[in-house]
Amino acid sequence: QIQVVESGGGLVQPGGSLRLSCTASGFGMTFDMFTMAWYRQTPGKQRELVAINSDDGRTYVEDSVKGRFTISRDNAKNTLDLHLSSLKPEDTGVYYCNAHWRLYDSWGQGIQVTVSS
C-alpha cells in the first residue's frame, strides 16, 4: 500500500497563487516508481484530473488549467508539487493527490483550496 499525504492549500484571492505538496511512500517502493497526479473536485462536479507527472518524468496538464498550474516532482525529496497561479473562483474545491504503481493506487485525504475575495 502507498501512503499519500498532502499539504498546502487554503484561502486565496482571485488572481493569487498557492502551492500544494504531496508525499508518497510505500514499503519496498521508492517515490520514483510512482506515477503521481493531482485531481480536484469542485462544487457540484465529479472528481477530475488536473495534472500528471509520470515515473519517467513526463507531465500532462489539463487544458482547463494549462498555463496557470504547473506540476513538478523532486524524487530526492519524495515530493510532488502543484503550483497554482492566476487562480479563479471556479478553481475552488478539494484537491487530491494520487500515487500509482502497478496494482497499487492510493489517494490522499484531500486538501481544500478556496479562491474568494
Protein backbone atom coordinates (compact mmCIF):
# COMPACT_ATOMS: atom_id res chain seq x y z
CA GLN A 1 0.00 0.00 0.00
CA ILE A 2 1.12 3.55 -0.74
CA GLN A 3 0.66 6.26 1.86
CA VAL A 4 -0.13 9.67 0.43
CA VAL A 5 -0.15 12.92 2.40
CA GLU A 6 -1.00 16.36 1.04
CA SER A 7 -0.19 19.79 2.43
CA GLY A 8 -0.73 23.40 1.47
CA GLY A 9 -3.96 24.88 0.24
CA GLY A 10 -6.11 27.44 1.98
CA LEU A 11 -7.85 30.68 1.11
CA VAL A 12 -6.53 32.93 -1.63
CA GLN A 13 -7.89 35.92 -3.52
CA PRO A 14 -8.67 35.72 -7.23
CA GLY A 15 -5.50 36.12 -9.24
CA GLY A 16 -3.41 34.78 -6.39
CA SER A 17 -1.13 31.77 -6.14
CA LEU A 18 -0.78 28.68 -3.99
CA ARG A 19 1.42 25.65 -3.80
CA LEU A 20 0.16 22.20 -2.94
CA SER A 21 2.59 19.49 -1.93
CA CYS A 22 2.27 15.75 -1.66
CA THR A 23 4.48 12.99 -0.36
CA ALA A 24 4.07 9.30 -1.05
CA SER A 25 5.76 6.23 0.34
CA GLY A 26 5.28 2.51 0.43
CA PHE A 27 7.08 -0.49 1.86
CA GLY A 28 9.54 -1.81 -0.64
CA MET A 29 8.81 1.05 -3.04
CA THR A 30 10.61 4.23 -3.91
CA PHE A 31 8.98 7.50 -4.88
CA ASP A 32 10.48 7.48 -8.37
CA MET A 33 8.46 4.35 -9.16
CA PHE A 34 5.16 6.17 -8.79
CA THR A 35 3.11 7.93 -11.38
CA MET A 36 1.78 10.90 -9.45
CA ALA A 37 -1.22 13.03 -10.20
CA TRP A 38 -3.41 15.78 -8.84
CA TYR A 39 -7.18 15.66 -9.10
CA ARG A 40 -9.81 18.03 -7.84
CA GLN A 41 -13.45 18.03 -7.01
CA THR A 42 -15.17 21.36 -7.40
CA PRO A 43 -18.65 22.04 -6.01
CA GLY A 44 -21.34 20.18 -7.90
CA LYS A 45 -18.91 18.28 -10.09
CA GLN A 46 -17.24 14.90 -10.11
CA ARG A 47 -13.59 14.47 -9.31
CA GLU A 48 -11.49 15.43 -12.33
CA LEU A 49 -7.88 15.10 -13.36
CA VAL A 50 -5.76 18.24 -13.07
CA ALA A 51 -2.24 17.11 -13.90
CA ILE A 52 0.02 14.05 -14.08
CA ASN A 53 3.72 13.57 -13.52
CA SER A 54 4.68 10.08 -14.58
CA ASP A 55 7.51 7.92 -13.29
CA ASP A 56 9.59 8.77 -16.36
CA GLY A 57 9.19 12.49 -15.73
CA ARG A 58 6.65 13.25 -18.43
CA THR A 59 3.94 15.69 -17.45
CA TYR A 60 0.41 16.36 -18.57
CA VAL A 61 -1.79 19.27 -17.56
CA GLU A 62 -5.47 19.56 -18.32
CA ASP A 63 -6.42 22.26 -20.81
CA SER A 64 -8.66 23.97 -18.27
CA VAL A 65 -5.66 24.88 -16.12
CA LYS A 66 -2.83 24.82 -18.61
CA GLY A 67 -0.69 27.92 -18.39
CA ARG A 68 -1.84 28.55 -14.82
CA PHE A 69 -0.98 25.32 -13.00
CA THR A 70 2.39 23.56 -13.05
CA ILE A 71 3.17 20.09 -11.75
CA SER A 72 6.65 19.08 -10.65
CA ARG A 73 8.33 16.40 -8.60
CA ASP A 74 11.53 16.02 -6.63
CA ASN A 75 12.38 12.35 -6.33
CA ALA A 76 15.21 13.07 -3.90
CA LYS A 77 12.70 14.67 -1.51
CA ASN A 78 9.83 12.30 -2.34
CA THR A 79 7.58 15.22 -3.12
CA LEU A 80 5.12 16.24 -5.81
CA ASP A 81 4.12 19.87 -6.08
CA LEU A 82 1.28 21.62 -7.83
CA HIS A 83 1.85 25.33 -8.35
CA LEU A 84 -1.42 27.17 -8.86
CA SER A 85 -1.37 30.70 -10.22
CA SER A 86 -3.87 33.19 -11.64
CA LEU A 87 -6.45 31.45 -9.52
CA LYS A 88 -10.11 31.86 -10.29
CA PRO A 89 -13.16 31.31 -8.07
CA GLU A 90 -14.02 28.25 -10.17
CA ASP A 91 -10.76 26.65 -9.04
CA THR A 92 -12.28 26.34 -5.59
CA GLY A 93 -12.55 22.76 -4.46
CA VAL A 94 -10.87 19.85 -2.78
CA TYR A 95 -7.60 18.80 -4.36
CA TYR A 96 -6.42 15.21 -4.12
CA CYS A 97 -3.02 13.69 -4.70
CA ASN A 98 -2.86 10.23 -6.26
CA ALA A 99 0.02 7.77 -6.37
CA HIS A 100 0.00 4.80 -8.70
CA TRP A 101 2.35 1.89 -9.26
CA ARG A 102 1.33 -1.40 -10.84
CA LEU A 103 -1.67 -2.65 -8.86
CA TYR A 104 -1.25 -0.06 -6.16
CA ASP A 105 -3.32 3.09 -6.30
CA SER A 106 -3.70 5.42 -3.33
CA TRP A 107 -5.27 8.78 -2.58
CA GLY A 108 -4.51 11.45 -0.09
CA GLN A 109 -7.16 12.82 2.23
CA GLY A 110 -7.78 15.87 0.09
CA ILE A 111 -6.98 19.50 0.74
CA GLN A 112 -9.25 22.50 0.43
CA VAL A 113 -8.46 25.36 -1.92
CA THR A 114 -10.80 28.35 -1.74
CA VAL A 115 -10.50 31.25 -4.16
CA SER A 116 -12.54 34.17 -2.94
CA SER A 117 -12.29 37.87 -2.33
